[in-house]
Amino acid sequence: MELKGMKVIVIGLGKSGFELLGFLDRRQVETVAYDSRDADSMSGLERFSDRIRFRCGQNPSGDEECDLVIVSPGISMNLDFMKRFRERKVEIAGEVEFAYNFAKGKFISITGTNGKTTSTTLAGEIFKAADFDTRVVGNIGNPVISEVETSTEETVFVAEISSFQLETIKNFNSRAAAVINITPDHLDRHITVENYADVKSRIFENQTKDDFAIINYDDPAVKKMSGSLKSQIIFFSRKEKLEKGIYIEDGIIKYADSSCTRDIISREEVFLKGGHNLENVMATIGLCIAAGIDQEVMKRVLREFRGVEHRLELVDCIDGVEFINDSKGTNTDSSIKALEAYDHDVILIAGGYDKKAEFGDFVKMFSGRVKHAIFMGATSQKLADACIENGYTQFSFAQSMKESVELAKNLARPGDTVLLSPACASWGMYNNFEQRGEDFKNNVRGNV
């Protein structure tokens, strides 16, 4: 992409937005940056040259003169000003697509509703252990654009890619890409599960016969994606023995191809436990097989990898009560999987931003497992209504994380588990799930 002489608009000044501005400023590109927040609530604007002009507290109209619009993942293509840019045939790119045009090396990418961050982090650790120049990027919190200037042809970008980022791709492609699972999420933006799955499937759309698609054989929506792919397919399944692909038999994770079947690692040797993590591990193994990584390197990291922050993270054990931070439980399926890790005596803290999800299946998990549920945020009443419909009455409301943790501490007895797994996004109360998780941890430890 030739930037010389272009007029660029950047919309959304989160972490990726600021990294984009730095990249454009270093290339002396005239840029106008928009953000709905006012300037007083943002820091760091002064670091840029006069080539970067800010329009804080407002969005564009869509009629501005420009050659390229770069949008943050949080900007929906259905907003009026984005529709107007499209009507005018203005080129639009997300940060991932824009950065891809300047990146050297190759991409290994992961998407899905749940497990993206765990799988991306695990894959990143394995690629590092295999001595690749590895950059773990994307939706995991490190924008791709922040790594492209120092990349070489030997660089491997291990990228977590969200549906929001996939909406705006054009040329983006991965040497190997995995879709872990599809369950209802972000329906406030994608409207239907079918639309959501279609967007997720775009991670494969630019692949060729030399690339690899890692597909969850057990998930009908993901398996369906395999029907029209040009790339080489590696299936994985934790439920069925596969003639070709990754599966588990007699407690051993195995890989079968056209020539032979080999044992990869015993399930007992893998530190990450739980069925959902088995999916994450299998998807990651598929990516590593596609990249030709030595099996002993994979095994060494799989034995040692402890998981990621904010995903079933043990915060503390106080007076015999475990406090678990699962703030990454931003949808019902993720939180259902969190609850499956505990047999009984859970004090659950849930609730947050309303993404138009239904909570029936989630609250059905409470019976015999959740002693008491504490609801906060915009979905509090919706969660309570789902509980009543399913005959569950042991719940309370709280107005803040502080109040939720205090109530949980009063209710819990030795042997109980206090679990923050909101089943909702953090927006409205927090900027992101990390901030929510830190608030929980600080309140548990009395650091507030």
Protein backbone atom coordinates (compact mmCIF):
# COMPACT_ATOMS: atom_id res chain seq x y z
CA MET A 1 0.00 0.00 0.00
CA GLU A 2 1.42 3.36 -1.04
CA LEU A 3 0.74 6.00 1.64
CA LYS A 4 2.56 8.94 0.07
CA GLY A 5 0.16 11.78 -0.61
CA MET A 6 -2.83 10.04 0.96
CA LYS A 7 -5.34 11.65 3.28
CA VAL A 8 -6.30 9.22 6.02
CA ILE A 9 -9.03 9.16 8.65
CA VAL A 10 -8.61 7.01 11.78
CA ILE A 11 -11.77 6.32 13.80
CA GLY A 12 -11.42 5.11 17.37
CA LEU A 13 -8.46 5.89 19.61
CA GLY A 14 -8.02 2.80 21.70
CA LYS A 15 -4.66 1.07 21.84
CA SER A 16 -4.67 0.10 18.16
CA GLY A 17 -5.79 3.60 17.17
CA PHE A 18 -2.85 5.25 18.90
CA GLU A 19 -0.42 2.73 17.41
CA LEU A 20 -1.86 3.48 13.96
CA LEU A 21 -1.35 7.21 14.47
CA GLY A 22 2.29 6.66 15.41
CA PHE A 23 2.85 4.55 12.29
CA LEU A 24 1.20 7.13 10.03
CA ASP A 25 2.97 10.04 11.68
CA ARG A 26 6.38 8.42 11.12
CA ARG A 27 5.47 8.17 7.43
CA GLN A 28 4.39 11.81 7.30
CA VAL A 29 0.80 10.96 6.37
CA GLU A 30 -1.82 13.68 6.82
CA THR A 31 -4.32 12.12 9.21
CA VAL A 32 -7.51 13.17 10.97
CA ALA A 33 -8.32 11.13 14.09
CA TYR A 34 -11.85 10.83 15.50
CA ASP A 35 -12.99 9.52 18.87
CA SER A 36 -16.32 9.93 20.64
CA ARG A 37 -14.52 10.73 23.91
CA ASP A 38 -13.47 14.29 24.67
CA ALA A 39 -9.79 15.22 24.72
CA ASP A 40 -9.71 15.65 28.51
CA SER A 41 -10.42 11.95 29.00
CA MET A 42 -7.47 10.85 26.81
CA SER A 43 -3.75 11.13 27.37
CA GLY A 44 -0.88 11.08 24.89
CA LEU A 45 -2.36 13.31 22.19
CA GLU A 46 0.58 15.70 22.49
CA ARG A 47 3.11 13.10 21.34
CA PHE A 48 2.09 13.43 17.68
CA SER A 49 3.16 16.03 15.11
CA ASP A 50 0.88 18.62 13.51
CA ARG A 51 0.21 16.14 10.68
CA ILE A 52 -2.17 14.36 13.09
CA ARG A 53 -5.29 16.43 13.71
CA PHE A 54 -7.77 15.37 16.36
CA ARG A 55 -11.55 15.57 16.33
CA CYS A 56 -12.35 14.47 19.87
CA GLY A 57 -15.88 14.16 21.16
CA GLN A 58 -17.31 13.50 17.70
CA ASN A 59 -17.64 11.02 14.88
CA PRO A 60 -17.18 11.84 11.19
CA SER A 61 -20.20 12.47 8.98
CA GLY A 62 -19.03 10.17 6.21
CA ASP A 63 -18.73 13.07 3.74
CA GLU A 64 -15.15 14.03 4.66
CA GLU A 65 -12.57 14.15 1.87
CA CYS A 66 -10.14 11.27 2.33
CA ASP A 67 -8.46 8.36 0.54
CA LEU A 68 -8.60 5.78 3.33
CA VAL A 69 -10.60 5.21 6.51
CA ILE A 70 -9.07 2.97 9.18
CA VAL A 71 -11.53 1.85 11.85
CA SER A 72 -11.07 0.35 15.29
CA PRO A 73 -12.74 -3.04 15.90
CA GLY A 74 -15.40 -1.34 18.02
CA ILE A 75 -16.76 0.67 15.09
CA SER A 76 -19.70 -1.09 13.45
CA MET A 77 -20.00 -1.01 9.67
CA ASN A 78 -23.73 -0.40 10.21
CA LEU A 79 -23.25 3.09 11.67
CA ASP A 80 -24.62 5.84 9.43
CA PHE A 81 -21.27 7.51 8.81
CA MET A 82 -19.69 4.17 7.85
CA LYS A 83 -22.55 3.47 5.45
CA ARG A 84 -21.93 6.89 3.92
CA PHE A 85 -18.22 6.19 3.41
CA ARG A 86 -19.13 2.91 1.71
CA GLU A 87 -21.70 4.61 -0.53
CA ARG A 88 -18.95 6.98 -1.67
CA LYS A 89 -16.62 4.02 -2.39
CA VAL A 90 -14.01 5.24 0.09
CA GLU A 91 -11.50 2.52 0.91
CA ILE A 92 -12.07 1.15 4.43
CA ALA A 93 -9.70 -1.03 6.44
CA GLY A 94 -9.48 -2.30 9.98
CA GLU A 95 -6.18 -2.15 11.85
CA VAL A 96 -5.41 -5.84 11.17
CA GLU A 97 -6.01 -5.51 7.42
CA PHE A 98 -4.05 -2.25 7.22
CA ALA A 99 -1.11 -3.66 9.19
CA TYR A 100 -1.07 -6.84 7.09
CA ASN A 101 -0.09 -4.77 4.05
CA PHE A 102 3.14 -3.74 5.77
CA ALA A 103 3.98 -6.94 7.66
CA LYS A 104 6.79 -9.25 6.63
CA GLY A 105 6.83 -12.93 7.53
CA LYS A 106 3.73 -15.09 7.92
CA PHE A 107 0.60 -15.25 10.06
CA ILE A 108 -0.71 -18.06 12.26
CA SER A 109 -4.22 -17.01 13.28
CA ILE A 110 -6.88 -18.14 15.73
CA THR A 111 -10.55 -17.19 16.03
CA GLY A 112 -13.71 -18.61 17.59
CA THR A 113 -16.16 -17.59 20.27
CA ASN A 114 -14.19 -18.94 23.22
CA GLY A 115 -10.64 -20.06 23.82
CA LYS A 116 -8.98 -17.60 21.42
CA THR A 117 -6.73 -15.98 23.98
CA THR A 118 -5.67 -19.23 25.65
CA SER A 119 -4.93 -20.85 22.28
CA THR A 120 -3.10 -17.80 20.95
CA THR A 121 -0.97 -17.48 24.07
CA LEU A 122 -0.19 -21.21 24.08
CA ALA A 123 0.68 -21.20 20.37
CA GLY A 124 2.88 -18.17 20.91
CA GLU A 125 4.80 -19.96 23.66
CA ILE A 126 5.34 -23.03 21.47
CA PHE A 127 6.53 -20.98 18.49
CA LYS A 128 8.93 -19.07 20.76
CA ALA A 129 10.23 -22.35 22.19
CA ALA A 130 10.81 -23.52 18.60
CA ASP A 131 13.05 -20.45 18.11
CA PHE A 132 10.81 -18.57 15.69
CA ASP A 133 10.86 -14.75 15.73
CA THR A 134 7.39 -14.78 17.27
CA ARG A 135 5.07 -11.80 17.72
CA VAL A 136 1.83 -12.51 19.62
CA VAL A 137 -0.61 -9.93 18.31
CA GLY A 138 -4.19 -8.96 17.52
CA ASN A 139 -7.23 -9.06 19.74
CA ILE A 140 -5.04 -10.33 22.58
CA GLY A 141 -4.04 -6.72 23.31
CA ASN A 142 -0.95 -6.13 21.16
CA PRO A 143 -1.97 -4.47 17.87
CA VAL A 144 -0.45 -5.98 14.75
CA ILE A 145 0.65 -2.52 13.59
CA SER A 146 2.93 -2.20 16.63
CA GLU A 147 5.10 -5.10 15.38
CA VAL A 148 5.24 -4.69 11.60
CA GLU A 149 8.10 -2.18 11.42
CA THR A 150 10.55 -4.57 13.08
CA SER A 151 9.30 -7.71 11.31
CA THR A 152 11.41 -9.70 8.83
CA GLU A 153 10.69 -12.51 6.41
CA GLU A 154 11.44 -14.89 9.31
CA THR A 155 8.82 -13.37 11.62
CA VAL A 156 5.77 -15.38 12.68
CA PHE A 157 2.75 -13.35 13.77
CA VAL A 158 0.63 -15.51 16.09
CA ALA A 159 -2.62 -13.57 15.95
CA GLU A 160 -5.88 -13.68 17.88
CA ILE A 161 -8.50 -12.39 15.45
CA SER A 162 -12.01 -11.32 16.49
CA SER A 163 -15.16 -11.23 14.38
CA PHE A 164 -15.01 -7.42 14.50
CA GLN A 165 -11.53 -7.51 12.96
CA LEU A 166 -12.57 -10.04 10.32
CA GLU A 167 -15.42 -7.78 9.15
CA THR A 168 -12.95 -5.45 7.45
CA ILE A 169 -10.37 -7.79 5.91
CA LYS A 170 -9.63 -7.77 2.20
CA ASN A 171 -6.19 -9.34 1.61
CA PHE A 172 -5.41 -10.69 5.10
CA ASN A 173 -4.30 -14.32 5.00
CA SER A 174 -2.69 -16.85 7.31
CA ARG A 175 -0.36 -19.72 6.57
CA ALA A 176 -2.41 -21.62 9.15
CA ALA A 177 -5.70 -20.53 10.71
CA ALA A 178 -7.96 -22.15 13.30
CA VAL A 179 -11.61 -21.71 14.22
CA ILE A 180 -12.09 -23.25 17.65
CA ASN A 181 -15.87 -23.01 18.11
CA ILE A 182 -18.99 -20.99 17.32
CA THR A 183 -21.66 -20.14 19.90
CA PRO A 184 -24.01 -17.11 20.00
CA ASP A 185 -22.11 -13.90 20.75
CA HIS A 186 -22.08 -10.24 19.71
CA LEU A 187 -25.61 -10.60 18.33
CA ASP A 188 -26.18 -6.90 19.08
CA ARG A 189 -23.82 -6.32 16.14
CA HIS A 190 -24.05 -9.43 13.95
CA ILE A 191 -27.83 -9.89 14.52
CA THR A 192 -27.89 -13.67 13.84
CA VAL A 193 -25.62 -16.60 14.69
CA GLU A 194 -25.43 -17.37 10.97
CA ASN A 195 -24.06 -13.90 10.21
CA TYR A 196 -21.61 -14.26 13.08
CA ALA A 197 -20.37 -17.64 11.77
CA ASP A 198 -20.05 -16.25 8.24
CA VAL A 199 -17.82 -13.45 9.53
CA LYS A 200 -15.69 -15.91 11.50
CA SER A 201 -15.26 -18.08 8.39
CA ARG A 202 -13.59 -15.16 6.62
CA ILE A 203 -10.35 -16.12 8.35
CA PHE A 204 -10.05 -18.79 5.62
CA GLU A 205 -11.25 -16.84 2.58
CA ASN A 206 -7.85 -15.84 1.18
CA GLN A 207 -6.11 -19.15 1.85
CA THR A 208 -4.58 -21.20 -0.99
CA LYS A 209 -3.77 -24.88 -1.42
CA ASP A 210 -0.46 -24.25 0.37
CA ASP A 211 -2.19 -23.05 3.55
CA PHE A 212 -3.84 -24.95 6.41
CA ALA A 213 -7.28 -24.68 8.03
CA ILE A 214 -7.63 -26.12 11.53
CA ILE A 215 -11.29 -27.10 12.00
CA ASN A 216 -13.29 -28.27 15.03
CA TYR A 217 -14.94 -31.46 13.77
CA ASP A 218 -17.34 -31.51 16.76
CA ASP A 219 -18.83 -28.06 16.14
CA PRO A 220 -21.42 -28.16 13.31
CA ALA A 221 -21.05 -24.46 12.46
CA VAL A 222 -17.27 -24.78 12.24
CA LYS A 223 -17.26 -28.12 10.43
CA LYS A 224 -19.59 -26.60 7.81
CA MET A 225 -16.84 -24.11 6.93
CA SER A 226 -14.64 -26.94 5.62
CA GLY A 227 -16.91 -27.57 2.64
CA SER A 228 -15.66 -24.80 0.38
CA LEU A 229 -12.04 -24.30 1.44
CA LYS A 230 -9.08 -24.29 -0.92
CA SER A 231 -6.61 -24.94 1.90
CA GLN A 232 -5.46 -28.22 3.46
CA ILE A 233 -7.75 -29.20 6.35
CA ILE A 234 -6.66 -30.55 9.73
CA PHE A 235 -9.71 -31.58 11.77
CA PHE A 236 -9.61 -31.96 15.55
CA SER A 237 -12.13 -33.76 17.75
CA ARG A 238 -12.42 -34.56 21.43
CA LYS A 239 -15.48 -36.76 20.80
CA GLU A 240 -14.64 -38.95 17.80
CA LYS A 241 -11.73 -41.00 16.50
CA LEU A 242 -10.70 -39.48 13.18
CA GLU A 243 -9.17 -41.24 10.21
CA LYS A 244 -7.30 -38.01 9.48
CA GLY A 245 -6.83 -35.34 12.11
CA ILE A 246 -6.24 -34.80 15.82
CA TYR A 247 -8.27 -36.80 18.35
CA ILE A 248 -8.04 -38.40 21.80
CA GLU A 249 -8.04 -42.14 22.43
CA ASP A 250 -7.27 -43.95 25.70
CA GLY A 251 -6.19 -40.67 27.25
CA ILE A 252 -3.67 -39.94 24.46
CA ILE A 253 -3.92 -37.01 22.04
CA LYS A 254 -3.09 -38.44 18.62
CA TYR A 255 -2.59 -37.20 15.08
CA ALA A 256 -3.43 -39.31 12.05
CA ASP A 257 -2.55 -38.43 8.47
CA SER A 258 -2.49 -40.41 5.25
CA SER A 259 0.75 -42.17 6.16
CA CYS A 260 0.57 -42.99 9.87
CA THR A 261 -0.88 -42.28 13.31
CA ARG A 262 1.34 -40.88 16.03
CA ASP A 263 0.90 -40.17 19.70
CA ILE A 264 1.39 -36.48 20.51
CA ILE A 265 1.02 -36.32 24.30
CA SER A 266 -0.92 -37.91 27.15
CA ARG A 267 -3.87 -35.81 28.31
CA GLU A 268 -2.60 -36.22 31.88
CA GLU A 269 0.68 -34.58 30.94
CA VAL A 270 -1.06 -31.40 29.72
CA PHE A 271 -1.32 -28.91 32.56
CA LEU A 272 -4.48 -27.20 31.26
CA LYS A 273 -7.53 -29.13 32.42
CA GLY A 274 -11.18 -29.15 31.31
CA GLY A 275 -12.93 -30.10 28.08
CA HIS A 276 -12.81 -26.56 26.71
CA ASN A 277 -9.05 -26.46 27.20
CA LEU A 278 -8.72 -29.80 25.39
CA GLU A 279 -10.23 -28.07 22.36
CA ASN A 280 -7.76 -25.21 22.75
CA VAL A 281 -4.83 -27.62 23.02
CA MET A 282 -5.92 -29.64 19.96
CA ALA A 283 -6.40 -26.51 17.85
CA THR A 284 -2.96 -25.31 18.87
CA ILE A 285 -1.39 -28.68 18.07
CA GLY A 286 -2.97 -28.43 14.61
CA LEU A 287 -1.37 -25.04 14.02
CA CYS A 288 2.00 -26.36 15.17
CA ILE A 289 1.77 -29.44 12.94
CA ALA A 290 0.99 -27.14 9.99
CA ALA A 291 4.13 -25.15 10.80
CA GLY A 292 6.29 -28.27 11.13
CA ILE A 293 7.18 -27.72 14.79
CA ASP A 294 9.03 -30.57 16.49
CA GLN A 295 6.78 -32.72 18.67
CA GLU A 296 9.16 -32.62 21.66
CA VAL A 297 8.98 -28.81 21.68
CA MET A 298 5.17 -29.00 21.71
CA LYS A 299 5.19 -31.52 24.56
CA ARG A 300 7.55 -29.47 26.69
CA VAL A 301 5.40 -26.33 26.50
CA LEU A 302 2.11 -28.24 26.92
CA ARG A 303 3.42 -29.74 30.17
CA GLU A 304 4.36 -26.30 31.53
CA PHE A 305 1.75 -23.83 30.23
CA ARG A 306 -0.39 -22.53 33.10
CA GLY A 307 -3.09 -20.60 31.20
CA VAL A 308 -3.83 -16.88 30.92
CA GLU A 309 -4.80 -14.12 33.30
CA HIS A 310 -8.55 -13.54 33.80
CA ARG A 311 -9.44 -17.05 32.64
CA LEU A 312 -10.21 -19.31 35.64
CA GLU A 313 -7.37 -17.54 37.46
CA LEU A 314 -6.91 -18.40 41.14
CA VAL A 315 -6.75 -15.04 42.92
CA ASP A 316 -6.50 -16.16 46.54
CA CYS A 317 -7.69 -18.69 49.10
CA ILE A 318 -9.06 -16.93 52.18
CA ASP A 319 -10.31 -18.90 55.19
CA GLY A 320 -10.78 -21.98 53.04
CA VAL A 321 -12.64 -20.12 50.25
CA GLU A 322 -11.14 -19.99 46.75
CA PHE A 323 -11.65 -16.81 44.72
CA ILE A 324 -11.51 -17.37 40.96
CA ASN A 325 -11.26 -14.62 38.34
CA ASP A 326 -12.91 -15.59 35.05
CA SER A 327 -13.53 -12.07 33.79
CA LYS A 328 -12.84 -13.36 30.26
CA GLY A 329 -16.20 -15.11 30.52
CA THR A 330 -17.82 -12.49 28.30
CA ASN A 331 -20.58 -14.73 26.90
CA THR A 332 -22.82 -17.50 28.19
CA ASP A 333 -20.96 -20.39 26.55
CA SER A 334 -17.67 -19.29 28.09
CA SER A 335 -19.23 -19.03 31.55
CA ILE A 336 -21.01 -22.37 31.16
CA LYS A 337 -17.59 -23.92 30.53
CA ALA A 338 -16.26 -22.17 33.62
CA LEU A 339 -19.07 -23.58 35.76
CA GLU A 340 -18.42 -27.06 34.39
CA ALA A 341 -15.04 -26.91 36.11
CA TYR A 342 -16.77 -26.92 39.53
CA ASP A 343 -19.10 -29.59 40.90
CA HIS A 344 -20.79 -27.65 43.71
CA ASP A 345 -20.70 -24.84 46.28
CA VAL A 346 -20.09 -21.93 43.91
CA ILE A 347 -20.91 -18.34 44.80
CA LEU A 348 -21.24 -16.84 41.32
CA ILE A 349 -20.82 -13.18 40.35
CA ALA A 350 -22.28 -12.48 36.90
CA GLY A 351 -23.80 -9.78 34.73
CA GLY A 352 -22.71 -6.80 32.65
CA TYR A 353 -23.37 -5.31 29.23
CA ASP A 354 -26.38 -6.64 27.33
CA LYS A 355 -25.30 -8.21 24.02
CA LYS A 356 -28.85 -9.50 23.45
CA ALA A 357 -27.91 -13.01 24.59
CA GLU A 358 -30.36 -15.45 26.16
CA PHE A 359 -29.47 -16.77 29.61
CA GLY A 360 -31.68 -19.86 29.88
CA ASP A 361 -28.98 -22.45 29.22
CA PHE A 362 -26.58 -20.59 31.50
CA VAL A 363 -28.85 -20.53 34.57
CA LYS A 364 -29.84 -24.18 34.03
CA MET A 365 -26.24 -24.93 35.07
CA PHE A 366 -26.88 -23.39 38.50
CA SER A 367 -28.90 -26.26 39.97
CA GLY A 368 -26.77 -28.35 42.36
CA ARG A 369 -23.71 -26.26 41.51
CA VAL A 370 -24.30 -22.58 42.36
CA LYS A 371 -25.20 -21.98 46.00
CA HIS A 372 -25.94 -18.34 45.36
CA ALA A 373 -25.69 -16.00 42.37
CA ILE A 374 -24.95 -12.29 42.57
CA PHE A 375 -25.97 -10.19 39.58
CA MET A 376 -24.72 -6.73 38.62
CA GLY A 377 -24.75 -4.52 35.55
CA ALA A 378 -27.31 -3.95 32.80
CA THR A 379 -28.28 -7.64 32.54
CA SER A 380 -29.08 -8.09 36.26
CA GLN A 381 -32.85 -8.26 35.84
CA LYS A 382 -32.60 -10.34 32.67
CA LEU A 383 -30.49 -12.90 34.54
CA ALA A 384 -32.91 -12.87 37.47
CA ASP A 385 -35.87 -13.42 35.15
CA ALA A 386 -34.11 -16.40 33.59
CA CYS A 387 -33.47 -17.81 37.05
CA ILE A 388 -37.12 -17.51 38.05
CA GLU A 389 -38.24 -19.14 34.79
CA ASN A 390 -35.98 -22.08 35.58
CA GLY A 391 -36.96 -22.42 39.24
CA TYR A 392 -33.77 -20.98 40.74
CA THR A 393 -34.31 -18.43 43.51
CA GLN A 394 -30.98 -18.12 45.33
CA PHE A 395 -29.80 -14.83 43.86
CA SER A 396 -29.12 -11.25 44.90
CA PHE A 397 -28.35 -7.94 43.21
CA ALA A 398 -25.30 -5.71 43.67
CA GLN A 399 -24.48 -2.27 42.34
CA SER A 400 -20.71 -2.64 42.12
CA MET A 401 -17.86 -5.15 42.22
CA LYS A 402 -17.05 -4.03 45.75
CA GLU A 403 -20.58 -4.81 46.90
CA SER A 404 -20.57 -8.12 45.01
CA VAL A 405 -17.33 -9.32 46.59
CA GLU A 406 -18.41 -8.24 50.07
CA LEU A 407 -21.68 -10.12 49.69
CA ALA A 408 -19.86 -13.19 48.34
CA LYS A 409 -17.44 -13.18 51.28
CA ASN A 410 -20.36 -13.08 53.72
CA LEU A 411 -22.14 -15.96 51.98
CA ALA A 412 -19.14 -18.23 51.42
CA ARG A 413 -18.07 -20.99 53.80
CA PRO A 414 -14.84 -23.03 53.90
CA GLY A 415 -14.70 -25.27 50.83
CA ASP A 416 -16.76 -22.89 48.68
CA THR A 417 -15.59 -21.19 45.49
CA VAL A 418 -16.35 -17.55 44.69
CA LEU A 419 -16.34 -17.35 40.91
CA LEU A 420 -16.46 -14.17 38.83
CA SER A 421 -17.67 -15.37 35.43
CA PRO A 422 -19.98 -12.65 34.13
CA ALA A 423 -21.34 -14.27 30.93
CA CYS A 424 -21.46 -10.69 29.62
CA ALA A 425 -19.15 -8.05 28.22
CA SER A 426 -17.72 -5.48 30.60
CA TRP A 427 -18.80 -2.33 28.75
CA GLY A 428 -20.94 0.13 30.66
CA MET A 429 -19.15 -0.58 33.94
CA TYR A 430 -15.58 -1.08 32.69
CA ASN A 431 -13.49 -0.33 29.62
CA ASN A 432 -12.60 -3.99 29.14
CA PHE A 433 -12.64 -7.40 30.83
CA GLU A 434 -9.09 -6.88 32.12
CA GLN A 435 -10.16 -3.83 34.11
CA ARG A 436 -13.12 -5.77 35.49
CA GLY A 437 -10.88 -8.67 36.50
CA GLU A 438 -8.42 -6.34 38.22
CA ASP A 439 -11.28 -4.73 40.15
CA PHE A 440 -12.38 -8.16 41.33
CA LYS A 441 -8.86 -9.11 42.37
CA ASN A 442 -8.29 -5.84 44.20
CA ASN A 443 -11.54 -6.23 46.11
CA VAL A 444 -10.77 -9.83 47.02
CA ARG A 445 -7.35 -8.82 48.35
CA GLY A 446 -8.62 -5.69 50.07
CA ASN A 447 -6.55 -3.38 47.89
CA VAL A 448 -9.31 -0.80 47.35
